[in-house]
N, C-alpha and C. Protein backbone atom coordinates (compact mmCIF):
# COMPACT_ATOMS: atom_id res chain seq x y z
N MET A 1 45.97 5.61 27.15
CA MET A 1 45.25 4.40 26.86
C MET A 1 43.88 4.41 27.55
N GLU A 2 43.84 4.86 28.79
CA GLU A 2 42.58 4.89 29.55
C GLU A 2 41.60 5.87 28.94
N SER A 3 42.06 7.00 28.40
CA SER A 3 41.14 7.98 27.83
C SER A 3 40.51 7.45 26.54
N GLN A 4 41.24 6.63 25.78
CA GLN A 4 40.67 6.04 24.57
C GLN A 4 39.57 5.04 24.92
N ASN A 5 39.80 4.24 25.97
CA ASN A 5 38.78 3.28 26.40
C ASN A 5 37.54 4.02 26.89
N ARG A 6 37.75 5.09 27.62
CA ARG A 6 36.62 5.87 28.14
C ARG A 6 35.83 6.48 26.99
N LEU A 7 36.52 7.00 25.98
CA LEU A 7 35.84 7.58 24.82
C LEU A 7 35.03 6.51 24.08
N PHE A 8 35.60 5.33 23.92
CA PHE A 8 34.88 4.24 23.25
C PHE A 8 33.63 3.87 24.04
N ILE A 9 33.73 3.78 25.34
CA ILE A 9 32.58 3.42 26.18
C ILE A 9 31.50 4.50 26.07
N ILE A 10 31.88 5.76 26.06
CA ILE A 10 30.90 6.85 25.94
C ILE A 10 30.18 6.78 24.60
N ILE A 11 30.94 6.54 23.53
CA ILE A 11 30.32 6.43 22.21
C ILE A 11 29.40 5.22 22.14
N ALA A 12 29.83 4.09 22.70
CA ALA A 12 29.01 2.87 22.69
C ALA A 12 27.72 3.09 23.47
N ILE A 13 27.79 3.76 24.62
CA ILE A 13 26.60 4.04 25.41
C ILE A 13 25.66 4.97 24.65
N GLY A 14 26.23 5.95 23.95
CA GLY A 14 25.41 6.85 23.15
C GLY A 14 24.67 6.11 22.03
N LEU A 15 25.36 5.18 21.37
CA LEU A 15 24.72 4.40 20.31
C LEU A 15 23.63 3.49 20.86
N VAL A 16 23.88 2.88 21.99
CA VAL A 16 22.85 2.03 22.62
C VAL A 16 21.66 2.88 23.02
N GLY A 17 21.92 4.08 23.51
CA GLY A 17 20.83 4.99 23.87
C GLY A 17 19.98 5.36 22.65
N LEU A 18 20.65 5.64 21.52
CA LEU A 18 19.91 5.94 20.28
C LEU A 18 19.09 4.74 19.84
N LEU A 19 19.64 3.54 19.99
CA LEU A 19 18.91 2.33 19.64
C LEU A 19 17.67 2.18 20.51
N VAL A 20 17.81 2.41 21.79
CA VAL A 20 16.67 2.30 22.71
C VAL A 20 15.61 3.35 22.37
N LEU A 21 16.04 4.58 22.08
CA LEU A 21 15.08 5.62 21.69
C LEU A 21 14.35 5.25 20.41
N GLY A 22 15.06 4.69 19.44
CA GLY A 22 14.43 4.26 18.20
C GLY A 22 13.41 3.16 18.43
N LEU A 23 13.75 2.18 19.26
CA LEU A 23 12.81 1.10 19.57
C LEU A 23 11.58 1.63 20.32
N MET A 24 11.78 2.59 21.20
CA MET A 24 10.63 3.19 21.90
C MET A 24 9.74 3.95 20.92
N GLY A 25 10.36 4.63 19.96
CA GLY A 25 9.57 5.34 18.95
C GLY A 25 8.75 4.39 18.10
N ILE A 26 9.34 3.28 17.70
CA ILE A 26 8.60 2.28 16.91
C ILE A 26 7.46 1.69 17.73
N GLY A 27 7.72 1.40 18.99
CA GLY A 27 6.66 0.87 19.86
C GLY A 27 5.54 1.88 20.06
N GLY A 28 5.89 3.15 20.24
CA GLY A 28 4.87 4.19 20.40
C GLY A 28 4.03 4.34 19.15
N TYR A 29 4.67 4.27 17.99
CA TYR A 29 3.93 4.36 16.73
C TYR A 29 2.94 3.21 16.61
N ALA A 30 3.40 2.00 16.95
CA ALA A 30 2.52 0.83 16.85
C ALA A 30 1.33 0.97 17.80
N ILE A 31 1.57 1.43 19.02
CA ILE A 31 0.48 1.57 19.99
C ILE A 31 -0.51 2.63 19.56
N PHE A 32 -0.01 3.80 19.15
CA PHE A 32 -0.92 4.88 18.79
C PHE A 32 -1.66 4.62 17.49
N SER A 33 -1.02 3.93 16.54
CA SER A 33 -1.73 3.63 15.29
C SER A 33 -2.84 2.62 15.54
N ARG A 34 -2.64 1.68 16.44
CA ARG A 34 -3.71 0.74 16.79
C ARG A 34 -4.85 1.44 17.50
N ALA A 35 -4.52 2.38 18.38
CA ALA A 35 -5.57 3.12 19.08
C ALA A 35 -6.38 3.94 18.09
N LYS A 36 -5.72 4.53 17.10
CA LYS A 36 -6.42 5.33 16.09
C LYS A 36 -7.34 4.44 15.26
N LYS A 37 -6.84 3.25 14.88
CA LYS A 37 -7.66 2.33 14.09
C LYS A 37 -8.87 1.88 14.91
N GLY A 38 -8.68 1.66 16.21
CA GLY A 38 -9.79 1.25 17.07
C GLY A 38 -10.85 2.34 17.14
N ALA A 39 -10.44 3.61 17.24
CA ALA A 39 -11.40 4.71 17.29
C ALA A 39 -12.14 4.83 15.96
N GLU A 40 -11.44 4.60 14.85
CA GLU A 40 -12.09 4.66 13.54
C GLU A 40 -13.11 3.54 13.40
N GLN A 41 -12.80 2.35 13.91
CA GLN A 41 -13.74 1.24 13.82
C GLN A 41 -14.98 1.51 14.67
N VAL A 42 -14.80 2.13 15.83
CA VAL A 42 -15.96 2.48 16.66
C VAL A 42 -16.83 3.49 15.95
N ALA A 43 -16.22 4.50 15.32
CA ALA A 43 -16.98 5.50 14.59
C ALA A 43 -17.73 4.87 13.42
N MET A 44 -17.09 3.92 12.73
CA MET A 44 -17.76 3.25 11.61
C MET A 44 -18.93 2.41 12.11
N ALA A 45 -18.77 1.77 13.26
CA ALA A 45 -19.86 0.96 13.82
C ALA A 45 -21.04 1.85 14.21
N GLU A 46 -20.75 3.02 14.80
CA GLU A 46 -21.83 3.95 15.16
C GLU A 46 -22.54 4.46 13.92
N THR A 47 -21.78 4.74 12.86
CA THR A 47 -22.39 5.21 11.61
C THR A 47 -23.27 4.12 11.01
N ALA A 48 -22.81 2.87 11.05
CA ALA A 48 -23.60 1.77 10.52
C ALA A 48 -24.88 1.57 11.33
N THR A 49 -24.80 1.74 12.65
CA THR A 49 -25.98 1.60 13.50
C THR A 49 -26.98 2.70 13.19
N ALA A 50 -26.49 3.93 13.01
CA ALA A 50 -27.39 5.03 12.68
C ALA A 50 -28.02 4.81 11.32
N ALA A 51 -27.26 4.33 10.35
CA ALA A 51 -27.81 4.08 9.02
C ALA A 51 -28.86 2.98 9.06
N THR A 52 -28.65 1.96 9.87
CA THR A 52 -29.64 0.89 10.01
C THR A 52 -30.92 1.42 10.63
N ALA A 53 -30.78 2.28 11.63
CA ALA A 53 -31.97 2.85 12.28
C ALA A 53 -32.75 3.70 11.29
N VAL A 54 -32.06 4.48 10.48
CA VAL A 54 -32.73 5.32 9.48
C VAL A 54 -33.43 4.44 8.44
N ALA A 55 -32.77 3.37 8.01
CA ALA A 55 -33.37 2.47 7.02
C ALA A 55 -34.61 1.80 7.58
N GLN A 56 -34.57 1.39 8.84
CA GLN A 56 -35.74 0.77 9.45
C GLN A 56 -36.88 1.78 9.58
N ALA A 57 -36.55 3.01 9.93
CA ALA A 57 -37.59 4.03 10.08
C ALA A 57 -38.25 4.33 8.75
N THR A 58 -37.47 4.40 7.67
CA THR A 58 -38.06 4.67 6.36
C THR A 58 -38.83 3.46 5.84
N ALA A 59 -38.41 2.25 6.22
CA ALA A 59 -39.14 1.06 5.78
C ALA A 59 -40.50 0.97 6.46
N GLU A 60 -40.58 1.42 7.70
CA GLU A 60 -41.83 1.34 8.45
C GLU A 60 -42.78 2.49 8.11
N ALA A 61 -42.28 3.55 7.51
CA ALA A 61 -43.12 4.70 7.18
C ALA A 61 -44.08 4.32 6.05
N PRO A 62 -45.35 4.80 6.13
CA PRO A 62 -46.30 4.48 5.07
C PRO A 62 -45.88 5.16 3.77
N THR A 63 -46.05 4.45 2.68
CA THR A 63 -45.68 4.98 1.38
C THR A 63 -46.91 5.10 0.51
N GLU A 64 -46.85 5.97 -0.46
CA GLU A 64 -47.96 6.15 -1.39
C GLU A 64 -47.94 5.04 -2.42
N ALA A 65 -49.12 4.71 -2.95
CA ALA A 65 -49.20 3.68 -3.97
C ALA A 65 -48.55 4.20 -5.25
N PRO A 66 -47.79 3.38 -5.93
CA PRO A 66 -47.12 3.86 -7.15
C PRO A 66 -48.14 4.12 -8.26
N THR A 67 -47.89 5.15 -9.03
CA THR A 67 -48.78 5.46 -10.14
C THR A 67 -48.33 4.64 -11.34
N PRO A 68 -49.27 4.09 -12.10
CA PRO A 68 -48.87 3.27 -13.25
C PRO A 68 -48.24 4.14 -14.34
N THR A 69 -47.22 3.60 -14.97
CA THR A 69 -46.56 4.32 -16.06
C THR A 69 -47.11 3.81 -17.38
N PRO A 70 -47.31 4.70 -18.33
CA PRO A 70 -47.86 4.24 -19.61
C PRO A 70 -46.82 3.41 -20.38
N ILE A 71 -47.30 2.40 -21.08
CA ILE A 71 -46.43 1.53 -21.87
C ILE A 71 -46.42 2.05 -23.29
N ILE A 72 -45.23 2.35 -23.79
CA ILE A 72 -45.07 2.88 -25.14
C ILE A 72 -44.80 1.71 -26.07
N PRO A 73 -45.55 1.59 -27.17
CA PRO A 73 -45.31 0.47 -28.09
C PRO A 73 -43.96 0.64 -28.79
N PRO A 74 -43.29 -0.45 -29.11
CA PRO A 74 -41.99 -0.36 -29.77
C PRO A 74 -42.13 0.20 -31.18
N THR A 75 -41.09 0.87 -31.63
CA THR A 75 -41.08 1.43 -32.97
C THR A 75 -40.20 0.59 -33.88
N ASP A 76 -40.49 0.62 -35.15
CA ASP A 76 -39.68 -0.12 -36.10
C ASP A 76 -38.39 0.65 -36.38
N THR A 77 -37.27 -0.02 -36.24
CA THR A 77 -35.99 0.61 -36.53
C THR A 77 -35.34 -0.15 -37.68
N PRO A 78 -34.74 0.55 -38.63
CA PRO A 78 -34.12 -0.15 -39.75
C PRO A 78 -32.86 -0.88 -39.30
N THR A 79 -32.62 -2.03 -39.88
CA THR A 79 -31.41 -2.80 -39.56
C THR A 79 -30.35 -2.50 -40.60
N VAL A 80 -29.09 -2.58 -40.20
CA VAL A 80 -27.97 -2.30 -41.08
C VAL A 80 -27.58 -3.61 -41.76
N VAL A 81 -27.45 -3.57 -43.08
CA VAL A 81 -27.07 -4.76 -43.84
C VAL A 81 -25.56 -4.71 -44.06
N ALA A 82 -24.89 -5.84 -43.85
CA ALA A 82 -23.44 -5.90 -44.03
C ALA A 82 -23.10 -5.79 -45.51
N THR A 83 -22.01 -5.09 -45.79
CA THR A 83 -21.56 -4.94 -47.17
C THR A 83 -20.29 -5.74 -47.38
N ASN A 84 -20.03 -6.12 -48.59
CA ASN A 84 -18.84 -6.88 -48.92
C ASN A 84 -17.68 -5.91 -49.14
N THR A 85 -16.80 -5.79 -48.14
CA THR A 85 -15.65 -4.89 -48.22
C THR A 85 -14.40 -5.75 -48.38
N PRO A 86 -13.66 -5.58 -49.48
CA PRO A 86 -12.45 -6.40 -49.66
C PRO A 86 -11.34 -5.95 -48.71
N VAL A 87 -10.60 -6.91 -48.18
CA VAL A 87 -9.48 -6.65 -47.28
C VAL A 87 -8.21 -7.04 -47.99
N ILE A 88 -7.28 -6.10 -48.11
CA ILE A 88 -6.02 -6.34 -48.79
C ILE A 88 -4.96 -6.60 -47.72
N PRO A 89 -4.32 -7.78 -47.74
CA PRO A 89 -3.30 -8.05 -46.72
C PRO A 89 -2.07 -7.19 -46.97
N PRO A 90 -1.38 -6.78 -45.90
CA PRO A 90 -0.17 -5.96 -46.08
C PRO A 90 0.93 -6.80 -46.72
N SER A 91 1.74 -6.15 -47.53
CA SER A 91 2.83 -6.87 -48.18
C SER A 91 3.95 -7.06 -47.16
N ILE A 92 4.57 -8.22 -47.19
CA ILE A 92 5.60 -8.57 -46.21
C ILE A 92 6.95 -8.58 -46.92
N GLY A 93 7.97 -8.07 -46.27
CA GLY A 93 9.32 -8.13 -46.78
C GLY A 93 9.73 -6.92 -47.59
N THR A 94 8.98 -5.86 -47.57
CA THR A 94 9.39 -4.67 -48.32
C THR A 94 10.41 -3.91 -47.50
N PRO A 95 11.46 -3.37 -48.15
CA PRO A 95 12.52 -2.70 -47.41
C PRO A 95 12.09 -1.36 -46.83
N GLU A 96 11.03 -0.74 -47.35
CA GLU A 96 10.65 0.57 -46.82
C GLU A 96 9.98 0.50 -45.46
N LEU A 97 9.46 -0.65 -45.11
CA LEU A 97 8.78 -0.77 -43.83
C LEU A 97 9.78 -0.86 -42.69
N THR A 98 9.51 -0.13 -41.65
CA THR A 98 10.35 -0.19 -40.45
C THR A 98 9.57 -0.95 -39.38
N PRO A 99 10.26 -1.65 -38.52
CA PRO A 99 9.52 -2.39 -37.48
C PRO A 99 8.81 -1.41 -36.55
N ALA A 100 7.69 -1.86 -36.05
CA ALA A 100 6.89 -1.02 -35.16
C ALA A 100 7.64 -0.78 -33.86
N ALA A 101 7.49 0.43 -33.34
CA ALA A 101 8.13 0.77 -32.08
C ALA A 101 7.44 0.02 -30.95
N PRO A 102 8.21 -0.44 -29.96
CA PRO A 102 7.58 -1.15 -28.86
C PRO A 102 6.67 -0.21 -28.06
N THR A 103 5.58 -0.75 -27.62
CA THR A 103 4.64 0.05 -26.83
C THR A 103 4.78 -0.31 -25.37
N SER A 104 4.46 0.62 -24.53
CA SER A 104 4.57 0.38 -23.10
C SER A 104 3.40 -0.49 -22.65
N VAL A 105 3.68 -1.34 -21.70
CA VAL A 105 2.66 -2.23 -21.16
C VAL A 105 2.28 -1.71 -19.78
N PRO A 106 1.01 -1.42 -19.55
CA PRO A 106 0.63 -0.93 -18.23
C PRO A 106 0.74 -2.04 -17.19
N THR A 107 1.25 -1.68 -16.04
CA THR A 107 1.35 -2.64 -14.94
C THR A 107 0.53 -2.14 -13.77
N ALA A 108 0.08 -3.06 -12.99
CA ALA A 108 -0.74 -2.70 -11.84
C ALA A 108 0.16 -2.15 -10.73
N THR A 109 -0.23 -1.03 -10.17
CA THR A 109 0.49 -0.43 -9.06
C THR A 109 -0.22 -0.81 -7.77
N PRO A 110 0.48 -1.45 -6.84
CA PRO A 110 -0.21 -1.85 -5.62
C PRO A 110 -0.62 -0.63 -4.81
N THR A 111 -1.80 -0.67 -4.27
CA THR A 111 -2.28 0.43 -3.43
C THR A 111 -2.33 -0.06 -1.99
N LEU A 112 -2.00 0.83 -1.09
CA LEU A 112 -1.97 0.49 0.32
C LEU A 112 -3.29 0.86 0.98
N ALA A 113 -3.63 0.11 1.98
CA ALA A 113 -4.81 0.46 2.77
C ALA A 113 -4.50 1.72 3.56
N GLU A 114 -5.53 2.41 3.97
CA GLU A 114 -5.34 3.66 4.70
C GLU A 114 -4.63 3.39 6.02
N GLY A 115 -3.57 4.14 6.27
CA GLY A 115 -2.81 3.99 7.50
C GLY A 115 -1.74 2.92 7.43
N GLU A 116 -1.56 2.28 6.28
CA GLU A 116 -0.56 1.23 6.14
C GLU A 116 0.75 1.83 5.66
N THR A 117 1.85 1.36 6.23
CA THR A 117 3.16 1.85 5.86
C THR A 117 3.69 1.03 4.68
N PRO A 118 4.25 1.67 3.65
CA PRO A 118 4.75 0.90 2.51
C PRO A 118 5.95 0.05 2.90
N SER A 119 6.09 -1.08 2.23
CA SER A 119 7.20 -1.98 2.50
C SER A 119 8.39 -1.53 1.67
N ALA A 120 9.44 -1.06 2.33
CA ALA A 120 10.63 -0.63 1.63
C ALA A 120 11.82 -0.79 2.56
N GLY A 121 12.41 -1.96 2.58
CA GLY A 121 13.55 -2.15 3.45
C GLY A 121 13.86 -3.61 3.67
N PHE A 122 14.56 -3.90 4.76
CA PHE A 122 15.00 -5.25 5.06
C PHE A 122 13.86 -6.16 5.50
N GLY A 123 12.94 -5.64 6.27
CA GLY A 123 11.96 -6.49 6.92
C GLY A 123 12.45 -6.80 8.32
N GLY A 124 11.69 -7.56 9.07
CA GLY A 124 12.03 -7.84 10.47
C GLY A 124 13.30 -8.66 10.62
N ILE A 125 13.38 -9.78 9.91
CA ILE A 125 14.53 -10.66 10.06
C ILE A 125 15.78 -9.99 9.48
N GLY A 126 15.64 -9.28 8.37
CA GLY A 126 16.79 -8.59 7.80
C GLY A 126 17.35 -7.54 8.73
N ALA A 127 16.47 -6.81 9.43
CA ALA A 127 16.93 -5.79 10.37
C ALA A 127 17.66 -6.44 11.56
N ILE A 128 17.14 -7.58 12.03
CA ILE A 128 17.80 -8.28 13.14
C ILE A 128 19.18 -8.76 12.71
N LEU A 129 19.27 -9.33 11.51
CA LEU A 129 20.56 -9.80 11.02
C LEU A 129 21.54 -8.64 10.83
N ALA A 130 21.06 -7.51 10.34
CA ALA A 130 21.92 -6.34 10.18
C ALA A 130 22.41 -5.86 11.54
N GLY A 131 21.55 -5.87 12.55
CA GLY A 131 21.96 -5.48 13.90
C GLY A 131 23.01 -6.42 14.47
N LEU A 132 22.81 -7.72 14.24
CA LEU A 132 23.81 -8.69 14.73
C LEU A 132 25.14 -8.50 14.01
N ALA A 133 25.10 -8.23 12.71
CA ALA A 133 26.33 -7.99 11.96
C ALA A 133 27.04 -6.75 12.50
N LEU A 134 26.30 -5.72 12.83
CA LEU A 134 26.89 -4.51 13.39
C LEU A 134 27.52 -4.79 14.75
N ALA A 135 26.87 -5.62 15.57
CA ALA A 135 27.43 -5.98 16.87
C ALA A 135 28.73 -6.75 16.70
N VAL A 136 28.79 -7.65 15.70
CA VAL A 136 30.02 -8.40 15.44
C VAL A 136 31.14 -7.45 15.01
N VAL A 137 30.80 -6.46 14.18
CA VAL A 137 31.80 -5.48 13.75
C VAL A 137 32.33 -4.72 14.97
N PHE A 138 31.46 -4.34 15.90
CA PHE A 138 31.90 -3.65 17.12
C PHE A 138 32.86 -4.50 17.93
N VAL A 139 32.52 -5.78 18.11
CA VAL A 139 33.36 -6.66 18.91
C VAL A 139 34.71 -6.87 18.24
N VAL A 140 34.70 -7.12 16.93
CA VAL A 140 35.96 -7.34 16.21
C VAL A 140 36.82 -6.08 16.25
N ALA A 141 36.21 -4.92 16.04
CA ALA A 141 36.97 -3.66 16.07
C ALA A 141 37.58 -3.44 17.48
N ARG A 142 36.84 -3.79 18.49
CA ARG A 142 37.34 -3.62 19.86
C ARG A 142 38.53 -4.55 20.11
N LYS A 143 38.41 -5.80 19.65
CA LYS A 143 39.51 -6.77 19.86
C LYS A 143 40.75 -6.35 19.09
N VAL A 144 40.57 -5.88 17.86
CA VAL A 144 41.72 -5.44 17.05
C VAL A 144 42.38 -4.22 17.69
N ARG A 145 41.55 -3.32 18.20
CA ARG A 145 42.07 -2.10 18.81
C ARG A 145 42.85 -2.40 20.09
N LEU A 146 42.34 -3.35 20.90
CA LEU A 146 43.03 -3.70 22.14
C LEU A 146 44.29 -4.49 21.86
N ALA A 147 44.32 -5.26 20.77
CA ALA A 147 45.50 -6.07 20.45
C ALA A 147 46.66 -5.20 20.00
N SER A 148 46.39 -4.04 19.41
CA SER A 148 47.49 -3.21 18.94
C SER A 148 48.00 -2.26 19.97
């Protein structure tokens, strides 16, 4: 009986350890992804500053006077006259006609911003509820096991 309890405790400690490692990994990802985004924003700000300096330098540089372009007079173009084309409506109710095949409708595919993780799972509250449900299963299994 004592060896079974010891085995259960070892397995439970191992699972808690895996949970802690997983939470540390998620925290590390969040910290490092924010640091990366911060470095990218600094680089973008430096690029914008350099571009502004270049624009100011080119604006202050003397420019040559523009040369006048010759104006070309418009030419006469013939206009198209509409013709009377008869339109014959399609006949309705003929047995040889088959209904048109359905066509696919294009749908918009959401695009993610750079560095964004796609949403595919429970979400924050769903994960917490799943963890609580798993803890309840552990407690119930332990009580049933000790009762027998």
